[in-house]
Amino acid sequence: MPELPDVEVFRRYLHSTGLGRRVEDVHTSRERIFSDFSRRTVVRALRGSRLEETARHGKNLFARLSEGRWLLLHFGMTGFLKAYRKPDSAPDHPRLVLDLADGSHLAYDSQRLLGRVSVADSPASYVKRMGLGPDLLSEELDGYVFVGLLSGSRAMVKSALMDQRRMAGLGNVYSDEALFHSGLHPKSRVSSLSEDALRRLHRAVVSVLQTAIDFGAEASAAPQDWLLPRRSAGSDCPSCGGNLESIKVGGRTAWICPRCQPPPEEA
């Protein structure tokens, strides 16, 4: 599922392919993809508007419309954006297509229909209504705040990192990466971790997210000292050379190095 780095890459793509352009027409399919507001309401907000600004919060992408509201895109499991000019270059499962004034088209594709398309009064109002925590790359979320958001939790640390109500942006893949780089086992209870360990984890989270954005959130372009290119059976740890393992944490598959990330005593 697209996580913060993927959505930041989408935001930059939307910024470069759609910003400042007027939406001449809108094409949609599958009512199910529209949340909070009807398809008709979303289309009415988009048609004739210009895309004037982009923003992101966690895994949510926003575009400010000249009519006053914001387009909201959540990408679910398989969502992505594609700009094109020729019809034969359109993606296979477009759920929302904007015909732009320069003759180009911008499509939101979602094969499995697990994403969301809607409008919001503002990113801040949507974040508040959905009860989302602060964005993990926001200036307000420094190491001190990060520790405070986790303090008192009895959850396993991987589950706590993925709780969007606590902090927004991390999913399965990049939580594994941050835990690997901080030497923490995903089943460690947050309450068992020292403040120094949590601060180390925060530094790893920020570094992982920023680095992933820099390489375009493409697994094939990830650094060779990361887990990301090695998330498969039989792979070796890029740090110690030992065998990587997959385990279940809160119903999700996590990849770890059992040497570099020793299990907690209670596990």
C-alpha atoms as a PDB file:
ATOM      1  CA  MET A   1       0.000   0.000   0.000  1.00  0.00           C
ATOM      2  CA  PRO A   2       1.366   3.455  -0.841  1.00  0.00           C
ATOM      3  CA  GLU A   3       2.968   5.043   2.214  1.00  0.00           C
ATOM      4  CA  LEU A   4       4.197   8.557   2.924  1.00  0.00           C
ATOM      5  CA  PRO A   5       7.137   8.454   0.465  1.00  0.00           C
ATOM      6  CA  ASP A   6       4.956   7.105  -2.352  1.00  0.00           C
ATOM      7  CA  VAL A   7       2.314   9.764  -1.759  1.00  0.00           C
ATOM      8  CA  GLU A   8       4.925  12.521  -1.606  1.00  0.00           C
ATOM      9  CA  VAL A   9       6.188  11.312  -4.997  1.00  0.00           C
ATOM     10  CA  PHE A  10       2.571  11.423  -6.256  1.00  0.00           C
ATOM     11  CA  ARG A  11       2.207  14.946  -4.832  1.00  0.00           C
ATOM     12  CA  ARG A  12       5.242  16.153  -6.745  1.00  0.00           C
ATOM     13  CA  TYR A  13       3.963  14.428  -9.874  1.00  0.00           C
ATOM     14  CA  LEU A  14       0.573  16.117  -9.525  1.00  0.00           C
ATOM     15  CA  HIS A  15       2.316  19.433  -8.904  1.00  0.00           C
ATOM     16  CA  SER A  16       4.339  19.133 -12.111  1.00  0.00           C
ATOM     17  CA  THR A  17       1.607  17.726 -14.368  1.00  0.00           C
ATOM     18  CA  GLY A  18      -1.529  19.510 -13.172  1.00  0.00           C
ATOM     19  CA  LEU A  19      -0.776  22.627 -11.158  1.00  0.00           C
ATOM     20  CA  GLY A  20      -2.217  25.821 -12.593  1.00  0.00           C
ATOM     21  CA  ARG A  21      -4.212  23.975 -15.237  1.00  0.00           C
ATOM     22  CA  ARG A  22      -7.966  24.299 -15.627  1.00  0.00           C
ATOM     23  CA  VAL A  23     -10.084  21.156 -15.507  1.00  0.00           C
ATOM     24  CA  GLU A  24     -12.188  21.221 -18.670  1.00  0.00           C
ATOM     25  CA  ASP A  25     -14.025  17.967 -18.044  1.00  0.00           C
ATOM     26  CA  VAL A  26     -14.133  15.036 -15.622  1.00  0.00           C
ATOM     27  CA  HIS A  27     -14.675  11.336 -16.299  1.00  0.00           C
ATOM     28  CA  THR A  28     -15.371   8.819 -13.561  1.00  0.00           C
ATOM     29  CA  SER A  29     -16.143   5.156 -13.078  1.00  0.00           C
ATOM     30  CA  ARG A  30     -17.287   3.032 -10.156  1.00  0.00           C
ATOM     31  CA  GLU A  31     -19.230   5.027  -7.580  1.00  0.00           C
ATOM     32  CA  ARG A  32     -17.625   2.980  -4.828  1.00  0.00           C
ATOM     33  CA  ILE A  33     -14.346   4.906  -5.068  1.00  0.00           C
ATOM     34  CA  PHE A  34     -16.055   8.122  -3.920  1.00  0.00           C
ATOM     35  CA  SER A  35     -16.273   8.657  -0.171  1.00  0.00           C
ATOM     36  CA  ASP A  36     -17.927  11.288   2.039  1.00  0.00           C
ATOM     37  CA  PHE A  37     -19.449  13.014  -0.983  1.00  0.00           C
ATOM     38  CA  SER A  38     -21.230  11.687  -4.047  1.00  0.00           C
ATOM     39  CA  ARG A  39     -19.561  11.369  -7.411  1.00  0.00           C
ATOM     40  CA  ARG A  40     -21.738  14.235  -8.645  1.00  0.00           C
ATOM     41  CA  THR A  41     -20.495  16.541  -5.866  1.00  0.00           C
ATOM     42  CA  VAL A  42     -16.856  15.747  -6.593  1.00  0.00           C
ATOM     43  CA  VAL A  43     -17.283  16.226 -10.334  1.00  0.00           C
ATOM     44  CA  ARG A  44     -19.078  19.535  -9.790  1.00  0.00           C
ATOM     45  CA  ALA A  45     -16.220  20.801  -7.609  1.00  0.00           C
ATOM     46  CA  LEU A  46     -13.605  19.780 -10.172  1.00  0.00           C
ATOM     47  CA  ARG A  47     -15.169  20.816 -13.479  1.00  0.00           C
ATOM     48  CA  GLY A  48     -14.065  24.330 -14.435  1.00  0.00           C
ATOM     49  CA  SER A  49     -11.660  24.681 -11.495  1.00  0.00           C
ATOM     50  CA  ARG A  50      -7.909  25.140 -11.599  1.00  0.00           C
ATOM     51  CA  LEU A  51      -5.533  23.054  -9.508  1.00  0.00           C
ATOM     52  CA  GLU A  52      -3.838  25.773  -7.470  1.00  0.00           C
ATOM     53  CA  GLU A  53      -1.834  24.074  -4.724  1.00  0.00           C
ATOM     54  CA  THR A  54      -0.832  20.617  -3.542  1.00  0.00           C
ATOM     55  CA  ALA A  55      -0.429  19.270  -0.022  1.00  0.00           C
ATOM     56  CA  ARG A  56       0.045  15.948   1.716  1.00  0.00           C
ATOM     57  CA  HIS A  57      -0.692  14.597   5.169  1.00  0.00           C
ATOM     58  CA  GLY A  58       0.534  11.094   5.855  1.00  0.00           C
ATOM     59  CA  LYS A  59      -0.868   8.890   3.089  1.00  0.00           C
ATOM     60  CA  ASN A  60      -3.392  11.495   1.879  1.00  0.00           C
ATOM     61  CA  LEU A  61      -2.865  13.795  -1.097  1.00  0.00           C
ATOM     62  CA  PHE A  62      -4.710  17.094  -1.506  1.00  0.00           C
ATOM     63  CA  ALA A  63      -5.061  19.596  -4.344  1.00  0.00           C
ATOM     64  CA  ARG A  64      -6.632  23.013  -3.755  1.00  0.00           C
ATOM     65  CA  LEU A  65      -9.280  23.916  -6.296  1.00  0.00           C
ATOM     66  CA  SER A  66      -9.976  27.462  -7.419  1.00  0.00           C
ATOM     67  CA  GLU A  67     -13.645  26.956  -6.507  1.00  0.00           C
ATOM     68  CA  GLY A  68     -12.581  26.820  -2.860  1.00  0.00           C
ATOM     69  CA  ARG A  69     -12.417  23.213  -1.744  1.00  0.00           C
ATOM     70  CA  TRP A  70      -9.661  20.616  -1.917  1.00  0.00           C
ATOM     71  CA  LEU A  71      -9.582  17.424  -3.940  1.00  0.00           C
ATOM     72  CA  LEU A  72      -8.648  14.474  -1.712  1.00  0.00           C
ATOM     73  CA  LEU A  73      -6.939  11.339  -3.043  1.00  0.00           C
ATOM     74  CA  HIS A  74      -6.114   8.257  -0.981  1.00  0.00           C
ATOM     75  CA  PHE A  75      -4.402   5.521  -2.947  1.00  0.00           C
ATOM     76  CA  GLY A  76      -5.383   2.321  -1.158  1.00  0.00           C
ATOM     77  CA  MET A  77      -3.436  -0.777  -2.189  1.00  0.00           C
ATOM     78  CA  THR A  78      -2.859  -0.190  -5.899  1.00  0.00           C
ATOM     79  CA  GLY A  79      -3.537   3.477  -6.620  1.00  0.00           C
ATOM     80  CA  PHE A  80      -1.334   5.824  -8.615  1.00  0.00           C
ATOM     81  CA  LEU A  81      -1.464   8.871 -10.889  1.00  0.00           C
ATOM     82  CA  LYS A  82      -0.675   9.008 -14.585  1.00  0.00           C
ATOM     83  CA  ALA A  83      -0.565  11.991 -16.924  1.00  0.00           C
ATOM     84  CA  TYR A  84      -0.962  11.332 -20.644  1.00  0.00           C
ATOM     85  CA  ARG A  85      -2.051  12.910 -23.923  1.00  0.00           C
ATOM     86  CA  LYS A  86      -2.902  10.047 -26.271  1.00  0.00           C
ATOM     87  CA  PRO A  87      -5.820   7.747 -25.387  1.00  0.00           C
ATOM     88  CA  ASP A  88      -3.704   4.657 -25.963  1.00  0.00           C
ATOM     89  CA  SER A  89      -1.421   5.839 -23.137  1.00  0.00           C
ATOM     90  CA  ALA A  90      -4.219   5.837 -20.559  1.00  0.00           C
ATOM     91  CA  PRO A  91      -3.786   3.499 -17.563  1.00  0.00           C
ATOM     92  CA  ASP A  92      -5.792   0.277 -17.368  1.00  0.00           C
ATOM     93  CA  HIS A  93      -8.101   1.103 -14.447  1.00  0.00           C
ATOM     94  CA  PRO A  94      -8.816   4.858 -14.418  1.00  0.00           C
ATOM     95  CA  ARG A  95     -11.403   5.789 -11.767  1.00  0.00           C
ATOM     96  CA  LEU A  96     -11.059   9.556 -12.165  1.00  0.00           C
ATOM     97  CA  VAL A  97      -9.752  11.313 -15.279  1.00  0.00           C
ATOM     98  CA  LEU A  98      -9.286  15.077 -15.500  1.00  0.00           C
ATOM     99  CA  ASP A  99      -9.237  16.596 -18.977  1.00  0.00           C
ATOM    100  CA  LEU A 100      -6.953  19.602 -18.587  1.00  0.00           C
ATOM    101  CA  ALA A 101      -7.020  22.805 -20.607  1.00  0.00           C
ATOM    102  CA  ASP A 102      -3.622  22.157 -22.203  1.00  0.00           C
ATOM    103  CA  GLY A 103      -4.971  19.008 -23.849  1.00  0.00           C
ATOM    104  CA  SER A 104      -3.429  16.573 -21.392  1.00  0.00           C
ATOM    105  CA  HIS A 105      -5.239  14.154 -19.103  1.00  0.00           C
ATOM    106  CA  LEU A 106      -4.518  13.243 -15.502  1.00  0.00           C
ATOM    107  CA  ALA A 107      -5.815   9.885 -14.297  1.00  0.00           C
ATOM    108  CA  TYR A 108      -6.212   8.405 -10.845  1.00  0.00           C
ATOM    109  CA  ASP A 109      -5.918   4.640 -11.330  1.00  0.00           C
ATOM    110  CA  SER A 110      -7.007   2.133  -8.684  1.00  0.00           C
ATOM    111  CA  GLN A 111      -7.311  -1.454  -9.854  1.00  0.00           C
ATOM    112  CA  ARG A 112      -8.634  -2.882  -6.592  1.00  0.00           C
ATOM    113  CA  LEU A 113     -10.853   0.079  -5.678  1.00  0.00           C
ATOM    114  CA  LEU A 114      -9.375   0.321  -2.191  1.00  0.00           C
ATOM    115  CA  GLY A 115      -8.574   4.031  -2.370  1.00  0.00           C
ATOM    116  CA  ARG A 116     -10.787   7.082  -1.915  1.00  0.00           C
ATOM    117  CA  VAL A 117     -11.662  10.167  -3.935  1.00  0.00           C
ATOM    118  CA  SER A 118     -13.429  13.039  -2.222  1.00  0.00           C
ATOM    119  CA  VAL A 119     -13.374  16.753  -1.522  1.00  0.00           C
ATOM    120  CA  ALA A 120     -12.576  18.512   1.746  1.00  0.00           C
ATOM    121  CA  ASP A 121     -12.871  22.045   3.055  1.00  0.00           C
ATOM    122  CA  SER A 122      -9.157  21.941   3.851  1.00  0.00           C
ATOM    123  CA  PRO A 123      -6.448  19.397   4.669  1.00  0.00           C
ATOM    124  CA  ALA A 124      -6.561  20.483   8.324  1.00  0.00           C
ATOM    125  CA  SER A 125     -10.313  19.951   8.581  1.00  0.00           C
ATOM    126  CA  TYR A 126     -10.022  16.500   7.015  1.00  0.00           C
ATOM    127  CA  VAL A 127      -7.166  15.499   9.330  1.00  0.00           C
ATOM    128  CA  LYS A 128      -9.194  16.602  12.346  1.00  0.00           C
ATOM    129  CA  ARG A 129     -12.357  14.855  11.194  1.00  0.00           C
ATOM    130  CA  MET A 130     -10.518  11.595  10.526  1.00  0.00           C
ATOM    131  CA  GLY A 131      -8.598  11.783  13.798  1.00  0.00           C
ATOM    132  CA  LEU A 132      -5.192  11.499  12.124  1.00  0.00           C
ATOM    133  CA  GLY A 133      -2.003  12.090  14.045  1.00  0.00           C
ATOM    134  CA  PRO A 134       0.674  14.554  12.901  1.00  0.00           C
ATOM    135  CA  ASP A 135       2.534  13.888   9.665  1.00  0.00           C
ATOM    136  CA  LEU A 136       5.797  12.105  10.366  1.00  0.00           C
ATOM    137  CA  LEU A 137       7.801  14.625   8.347  1.00  0.00           C
ATOM    138  CA  SER A 138       6.097  17.724   9.707  1.00  0.00           C
ATOM    139  CA  GLU A 139       8.214  20.267  11.543  1.00  0.00           C
ATOM    140  CA  GLU A 140       6.029  19.902  14.634  1.00  0.00           C
ATOM    141  CA  LEU A 141       6.896  16.221  15.029  1.00  0.00           C
ATOM    142  CA  ASP A 142      10.422  16.340  16.437  1.00  0.00           C
ATOM    143  CA  GLY A 143      12.051  13.715  18.619  1.00  0.00           C
ATOM    144  CA  TYR A 144      10.479  15.082  21.776  1.00  0.00           C
ATOM    145  CA  VAL A 145       6.962  14.965  20.329  1.00  0.00           C
ATOM    146  CA  PHE A 146       7.601  11.525  18.826  1.00  0.00           C
ATOM    147  CA  VAL A 147       8.543  10.116  22.219  1.00  0.00           C
ATOM    148  CA  GLY A 148       5.505  11.770  23.771  1.00  0.00           C
ATOM    149  CA  LEU A 149       3.150  10.265  21.192  1.00  0.00           C
ATOM    150  CA  LEU A 150       4.440   6.780  21.968  1.00  0.00           C
ATOM    151  CA  SER A 151       4.866   7.109  25.726  1.00  0.00           C
ATOM    152  CA  GLY A 152       2.534   4.965  27.782  1.00  0.00           C
ATOM    153  CA  SER A 153       1.629   2.638  24.920  1.00  0.00           C
ATOM    154  CA  ARG A 154       1.563  -1.090  25.609  1.00  0.00           C
ATOM    155  CA  ALA A 155       1.350  -1.879  21.892  1.00  0.00           C
ATOM    156  CA  MET A 156       4.066  -3.609  19.930  1.00  0.00           C
ATOM    157  CA  VAL A 157       6.274  -0.935  18.419  1.00  0.00           C
ATOM    158  CA  LYS A 158       5.518  -1.843  14.795  1.00  0.00           C
ATOM    159  CA  SER A 159       1.776  -1.622  15.446  1.00  0.00           C
ATOM    160  CA  ALA A 160       2.208   1.716  17.215  1.00  0.00           C
ATOM    161  CA  LEU A 161       4.200   3.129  14.295  1.00  0.00           C
ATOM    162  CA  MET A 162       1.482   2.107  11.845  1.00  0.00           C
ATOM    163  CA  ASP A 163      -1.369   3.596  13.903  1.00  0.00           C
ATOM    164  CA  GLN A 164      -2.414   6.586  11.774  1.00  0.00           C
ATOM    165  CA  ARG A 165      -4.277   8.107  14.731  1.00  0.00           C
ATOM    166  CA  ARG A 166      -1.000   8.351  16.592  1.00  0.00           C
ATOM    167  CA  MET A 167       1.221   9.534  13.716  1.00  0.00           C
ATOM    168  CA  ALA A 168       0.486   9.555   9.999  1.00  0.00           C
ATOM    169  CA  GLY A 169       2.478   8.126   7.133  1.00  0.00           C
ATOM    170  CA  LEU A 170       4.063   4.778   7.980  1.00  0.00           C
ATOM    171  CA  GLY A 171       2.795   1.452   6.666  1.00  0.00           C
ATOM    172  CA  ASN A 172       4.108  -2.072   6.614  1.00  0.00           C
ATOM    173  CA  VAL A 173       7.216  -1.664   4.466  1.00  0.00           C
ATOM    174  CA  TYR A 174       8.777   1.500   5.852  1.00  0.00           C
ATOM    175  CA  SER A 175       8.005   0.637   9.474  1.00  0.00           C
ATOM    176  CA  ASP A 176      10.055  -2.536   8.949  1.00  0.00           C
ATOM    177  CA  GLU A 177      12.846  -0.468   7.420  1.00  0.00           C
ATOM    178  CA  ALA A 178      12.951   2.027  10.276  1.00  0.00           C
ATOM    179  CA  LEU A 179      12.930  -0.728  12.896  1.00  0.00           C
ATOM    180  CA  PHE A 180      15.751  -2.545  11.105  1.00  0.00           C
ATOM    181  CA  HIS A 181      17.908   0.584  10.961  1.00  0.00           C
ATOM    182  CA  SER A 182      17.277   1.302  14.636  1.00  0.00           C
ATOM    183  CA  GLY A 183      17.996  -2.313  15.679  1.00  0.00           C
ATOM    184  CA  LEU A 184      14.573  -2.825  17.257  1.00  0.00           C
ATOM    185  CA  HIS A 185      12.427  -5.927  17.027  1.00  0.00           C
ATOM    186  CA  PRO A 186       8.901  -5.129  15.761  1.00  0.00           C
ATOM    187  CA  LYS A 187       7.321  -7.099  18.624  1.00  0.00           C
ATOM    188  CA  SER A 188       9.035  -5.019  21.297  1.00  0.00           C
ATOM    189  CA  ARG A 189       6.498  -3.307  23.538  1.00  0.00           C
ATOM    190  CA  VAL A 190       6.781   0.455  23.350  1.00  0.00           C
ATOM    191  CA  SER A 191       6.620   0.611  27.148  1.00  0.00           C
ATOM    192  CA  SER A 192       9.776  -1.515  27.361  1.00  0.00           C
ATOM    193  CA  LEU A 193      11.856   0.840  25.219  1.00  0.00           C
ATOM    194  CA  SER A 194      14.040   3.552  26.710  1.00  0.00           C
ATOM    195  CA  GLU A 195      13.763   7.178  25.684  1.00  0.00           C
ATOM    196  CA  ASP A 196      17.135   6.836  23.936  1.00  0.00           C
ATOM    197  CA  ALA A 197      15.802   3.890  21.917  1.00  0.00           C
ATOM    198  CA  LEU A 198      12.699   5.835  20.921  1.00  0.00           C
ATOM    199  CA  ARG A 199      14.762   8.823  19.879  1.00  0.00           C
ATOM    200  CA  ARG A 200      16.981   6.507  17.830  1.00  0.00           C
ATOM    201  CA  LEU A 201      13.838   5.123  16.230  1.00  0.00           C
ATOM    202  CA  HIS A 202      12.616   8.618  15.407  1.00  0.00           C
ATOM    203  CA  ARG A 203      15.892   9.435  13.662  1.00  0.00           C
ATOM    204  CA  ALA A 204      15.613   6.201  11.682  1.00  0.00           C
ATOM    205  CA  VAL A 205      12.008   6.929  10.693  1.00  0.00           C
ATOM    206  CA  VAL A 206      12.859  10.400   9.402  1.00  0.00           C
ATOM    207  CA  SER A 207      15.957   9.176   7.571  1.00  0.00           C
ATOM    208  CA  VAL A 208      14.123   6.264   5.955  1.00  0.00           C
ATOM    209  CA  LEU A 209      11.205   8.406   4.787  1.00  0.00           C
ATOM    210  CA  GLN A 210      13.377  11.192   3.402  1.00  0.00           C
ATOM    211  CA  THR A 211      15.715   8.749   1.665  1.00  0.00           C
ATOM    212  CA  ALA A 212      12.778   6.849   0.146  1.00  0.00           C
ATOM    213  CA  ILE A 213      11.414  10.110  -1.272  1.00  0.00           C
ATOM    214  CA  ASP A 214      14.836  10.892  -2.728  1.00  0.00           C
ATOM    215  CA  PHE A 215      14.971   7.596  -4.649  1.00  0.00           C
ATOM    216  CA  GLY A 216      11.397   7.962  -5.849  1.00  0.00           C
ATOM    217  CA  ALA A 217       9.960   5.272  -3.560  1.00  0.00           C
ATOM    218  CA  GLU A 218      11.011   2.616  -6.077  1.00  0.00           C
ATOM    219  CA  ALA A 219      12.140  -0.612  -4.404  1.00  0.00           C
ATOM    220  CA  SER A 220      14.612  -1.320  -7.200  1.00  0.00           C
ATOM    221  CA  ALA A 221      16.364   1.995  -6.491  1.00  0.00           C
ATOM    222  CA  ALA A 222      16.643   1.523  -2.714  1.00  0.00           C
ATOM    223  CA  PRO A 223      20.106   1.498  -1.117  1.00  0.00           C
ATOM    224  CA  GLN A 224      21.713  -1.921  -0.909  1.00  0.00           C
ATOM    225  CA  ASP A 225      21.986  -1.679   2.881  1.00  0.00           C
ATOM    226  CA  TRP A 226      18.172  -1.613   3.129  1.00  0.00           C
ATOM    227  CA  LEU A 227      15.717  -4.446   3.646  1.00  0.00           C
ATOM    228  CA  LEU A 228      13.468  -3.163   0.867  1.00  0.00           C
ATOM    229  CA  PRO A 229      15.244  -4.898  -2.044  1.00  0.00           C
ATOM    230  CA  ARG A 230      15.471  -8.112   0.006  1.00  0.00           C
ATOM    231  CA  ARG A 231      11.943  -8.742   1.262  1.00  0.00           C
ATOM    232  CA  SER A 232      11.760 -12.341   0.034  1.00  0.00           C
ATOM    233  CA  ALA A 233      12.538 -15.836   1.281  1.00  0.00           C
ATOM    234  CA  GLY A 234      16.216 -16.776   1.210  1.00  0.00           C
ATOM    235  CA  SER A 235      17.528 -13.207   1.317  1.00  0.00           C
ATOM    236  CA  ASP A 236      20.482 -12.248   3.494  1.00  0.00           C
ATOM    237  CA  CYS A 237      20.746  -9.329   5.895  1.00  0.00           C
ATOM    238  CA  PRO A 238      22.608  -6.430   4.258  1.00  0.00           C
ATOM    239  CA  SER A 239      24.311  -5.710   7.578  1.00  0.00           C
ATOM    240  CA  CYS A 240      25.424  -9.048   9.074  1.00  0.00           C
ATOM    241  CA  GLY A 241      24.844 -11.507   6.234  1.00  0.00           C
ATOM    242  CA  GLY A 242      22.479 -13.666   8.284  1.00  0.00           C
ATOM    243  CA  ASN A 243      19.188 -14.988   6.970  1.00  0.00           C
ATOM    244  CA  LEU A 244      16.235 -12.636   7.010  1.00  0.00           C
ATOM    245  CA  GLU A 245      12.955 -13.925   8.431  1.00  0.00           C
ATOM    246  CA  SER A 246       9.308 -13.030   8.021  1.00  0.00           C
ATOM    247  CA  ILE A 247       7.083 -12.965  11.095  1.00  0.00           C
ATOM    248  CA  LYS A 248       3.522 -11.906  11.856  1.00  0.00           C
ATOM    249  CA  VAL A 249       2.984  -8.749  13.885  1.00  0.00           C
ATOM    250  CA  GLY A 250      -0.573  -7.637  14.488  1.00  0.00           C
ATOM    251  CA  GLY A 251      -1.738  -9.660  11.504  1.00  0.00           C
ATOM    252  CA  ARG A 252       0.843  -8.129   9.170  1.00  0.00           C
ATOM    253  CA  THR A 253       3.956  -9.723   7.691  1.00  0.00           C
ATOM    254  CA  ALA A 254       7.153  -8.125   8.941  1.00  0.00           C
ATOM    255  CA  TRP A 255      10.686  -8.770   7.681  1.00  0.00           C
ATOM    256  CA  ILE A 256      13.502  -8.771  10.213  1.00  0.00           C
ATOM    257  CA  CYS A 257      17.070  -9.826  10.801  1.00  0.00           C
ATOM    258  CA  PRO A 258      16.965 -11.913  13.999  1.00  0.00           C
ATOM    259  CA  ARG A 259      20.660 -11.151  14.656  1.00  0.00           C
ATOM    260  CA  CYS A 260      20.434  -7.381  14.244  1.00  0.00           C
ATOM    261  CA  GLN A 261      16.985  -7.148  15.847  1.00  0.00           C
ATOM    262  CA  PRO A 262      17.018  -9.512  18.817  1.00  0.00           C
ATOM    263  CA  PRO A 263      13.556 -10.468  20.064  1.00  0.00           C
ATOM    264  CA  PRO A 264      12.283  -8.907  23.284  1.00  0.00           C
ATOM    265  CA  GLU A 265      12.336 -11.053  26.405  1.00  0.00           C
ATOM    266  CA  GLU A 266       8.535 -11.159  26.639  1.00  0.00           C
ATOM    267  CA  ALA A 267       8.295 -12.537  23.083  1.00  0.00           C
END
